[in-house]
C-alpha atoms as a PDB file:
ATOM      1  CA  MET A   1      -0.001  -0.027  -0.042  1.00  0.00           C
ATOM      2  CA  ARG A   2       1.436   3.341  -0.983  1.00  0.00           C
ATOM      3  CA  ILE A   3       0.638   6.499   0.965  1.00  0.00           C
ATOM      4  CA  LYS A   4      -0.357   9.504  -1.047  1.00  0.00           C
ATOM      5  CA  LEU A   5       1.070  12.732   0.252  1.00  0.00           C
ATOM      6  CA  SER A   6       0.285  16.196  -0.884  1.00  0.00           C
ATOM      7  CA  LYS A   7       3.007  18.417  -2.255  1.00  0.00           C
ATOM      8  CA  ARG A   8       3.120  20.428   0.985  1.00  0.00           C
ATOM      9  CA  GLN A   9       3.557  17.268   3.025  1.00  0.00           C
ATOM     10  CA  ILE A  10       6.344  16.038   0.806  1.00  0.00           C
ATOM     11  CA  GLU A  11       8.046  19.466   0.987  1.00  0.00           C
ATOM     12  CA  ARG A  12       7.843  19.414   4.789  1.00  0.00           C
ATOM     13  CA  SER A  13       9.063  15.848   4.979  1.00  0.00           C
ATOM     14  CA  SER A  14      12.046  16.714   2.758  1.00  0.00           C
ATOM     15  CA  GLU A  15      12.821  19.737   5.038  1.00  0.00           C
ATOM     16  CA  VAL A  16      12.729  17.440   8.114  1.00  0.00           C
ATOM     17  CA  PHE A  17      15.100  15.004   6.535  1.00  0.00           C
ATOM     18  CA  GLY A  18      17.325  17.858   5.448  1.00  0.00           C
ATOM     19  CA  ASN A  19      17.476  19.122   9.026  1.00  0.00           C
ATOM     20  CA  LEU A  20      18.288  15.612  10.386  1.00  0.00           C
ATOM     21  CA  SER A  21      21.051  15.388   7.779  1.00  0.00           C
ATOM     22  CA  VAL A  22      22.550  18.768   9.002  1.00  0.00           C
ATOM     23  CA  ALA A  23      22.221  17.557  12.637  1.00  0.00           C
ATOM     24  CA  TRP A  24      24.076  14.413  11.977  1.00  0.00           C
ATOM     25  CA  PHE A  25      26.791  16.292  10.131  1.00  0.00           C
ATOM     26  CA  SER A  26      27.300  18.788  12.879  1.00  0.00           C
ATOM     27  CA  ALA A  27      26.912  16.515  15.883  1.00  0.00           C
ATOM     28  CA  GLY A  28      28.458  13.359  14.405  1.00  0.00           C
ATOM     29  CA  ILE A  29      31.199  14.609  12.032  1.00  0.00           C
ATOM     30  CA  ILE A  30      32.235  17.990  13.275  1.00  0.00           C
ATOM     31  CA  SER A  31      31.911  17.552  17.026  1.00  0.00           C
ATOM     32  CA  PRO A  32      34.160  14.514  17.353  1.00  0.00           C
ATOM     33  CA  ILE A  33      37.029  16.490  15.730  1.00  0.00           C
ATOM     34  CA  PHE A  34      37.109  18.752  18.800  1.00  0.00           C
ATOM     35  CA  ILE A  35      36.556  16.041  21.383  1.00  0.00           C
ATOM     36  CA  LYS A  36      39.347  13.705  22.479  1.00  0.00           C
ATOM     37  CA  PRO A  37      38.213  10.183  21.663  1.00  0.00           C
ATOM     38  CA  HIS A  38      38.864   7.182  23.945  1.00  0.00           C
ATOM     39  CA  SER A  39      40.567   5.404  21.074  1.00  0.00           C
ATOM     40  CA  VAL A  40      41.098   5.579  17.394  1.00  0.00           C
ATOM     41  CA  PHE A  41      38.604   2.793  16.858  1.00  0.00           C
ATOM     42  CA  ASP A  42      35.905   4.746  18.759  1.00  0.00           C
ATOM     43  CA  PHE A  43      36.600   7.782  16.707  1.00  0.00           C
ATOM     44  CA  LEU A  44      36.466   5.919  13.375  1.00  0.00           C
ATOM     45  CA  LEU A  45      33.299   4.073  14.393  1.00  0.00           C
ATOM     46  CA  ALA A  46      31.421   7.203  15.390  1.00  0.00           C
ATOM     47  CA  PHE A  47      32.780   9.106  12.378  1.00  0.00           C
ATOM     48  CA  GLY A  48      31.698   6.265   9.986  1.00  0.00           C
ATOM     49  CA  LEU A  49      28.317   5.896  11.479  1.00  0.00           C
ATOM     50  CA  SER A  50      27.670   9.564  11.472  1.00  0.00           C
ATOM     51  CA  LEU A  51      28.786   9.906   7.863  1.00  0.00           C
ATOM     52  CA  PHE A  52      26.439   7.032   6.871  1.00  0.00           C
ATOM     53  CA  MET A  53      23.511   8.657   8.706  1.00  0.00           C
ATOM     54  CA  PHE A  54      24.333  12.089   7.195  1.00  0.00           C
ATOM     55  CA  ILE A  55      24.463  10.737   3.663  1.00  0.00           C
ATOM     56  CA  SER A  56      21.367   8.540   4.128  1.00  0.00           C
ATOM     57  CA  PHE A  57      19.214  11.493   5.359  1.00  0.00           C
ATOM     58  CA  PHE A  58      20.602  13.786   2.710  1.00  0.00           C
ATOM     59  CA  ILE A  59      19.820  11.343  -0.150  1.00  0.00           C
ATOM     60  CA  TRP A  60      16.299  10.743   1.232  1.00  0.00           C
ATOM     61  CA  SER A  61      15.741  14.498   1.476  1.00  0.00           C
ATOM     62  CA  LEU A  62      16.866  15.000  -2.123  1.00  0.00           C
ATOM     63  CA  TYR A  63      14.685  12.051  -3.230  1.00  0.00           C
ATOM     64  CA  LEU A  64      11.641  13.750  -1.728  1.00  0.00           C
ATOM     65  CA  VAL A  65      12.414  17.083  -3.378  1.00  0.00           C
ATOM     66  CA  ARG A  66      12.778  15.429  -6.700  1.00  0.00           C
ATOM     67  CA  ARG A  67       9.560  13.485  -6.158  1.00  0.00           C
ATOM     68  CA  LYS A  68       7.831  16.793  -5.422  1.00  0.00           C
ATOM     69  CA  LEU A  69       8.715  18.225  -8.746  1.00  0.00           C
END
């Protein structure tokens, strides 16, 4: 079953996912650079996970914008 959303709902959803993307970028990628990690492994794990989440939300946001057009 596919949910039908109005253009405004799709626009708002895209905006929310864009904001989540920015949040993951700032909290997950930028912040660890300034905080001393417990180990290199912890740093790389947090950085990799944050990068994955950032890219995932960013792509989903772009998909919704493209779908709106």
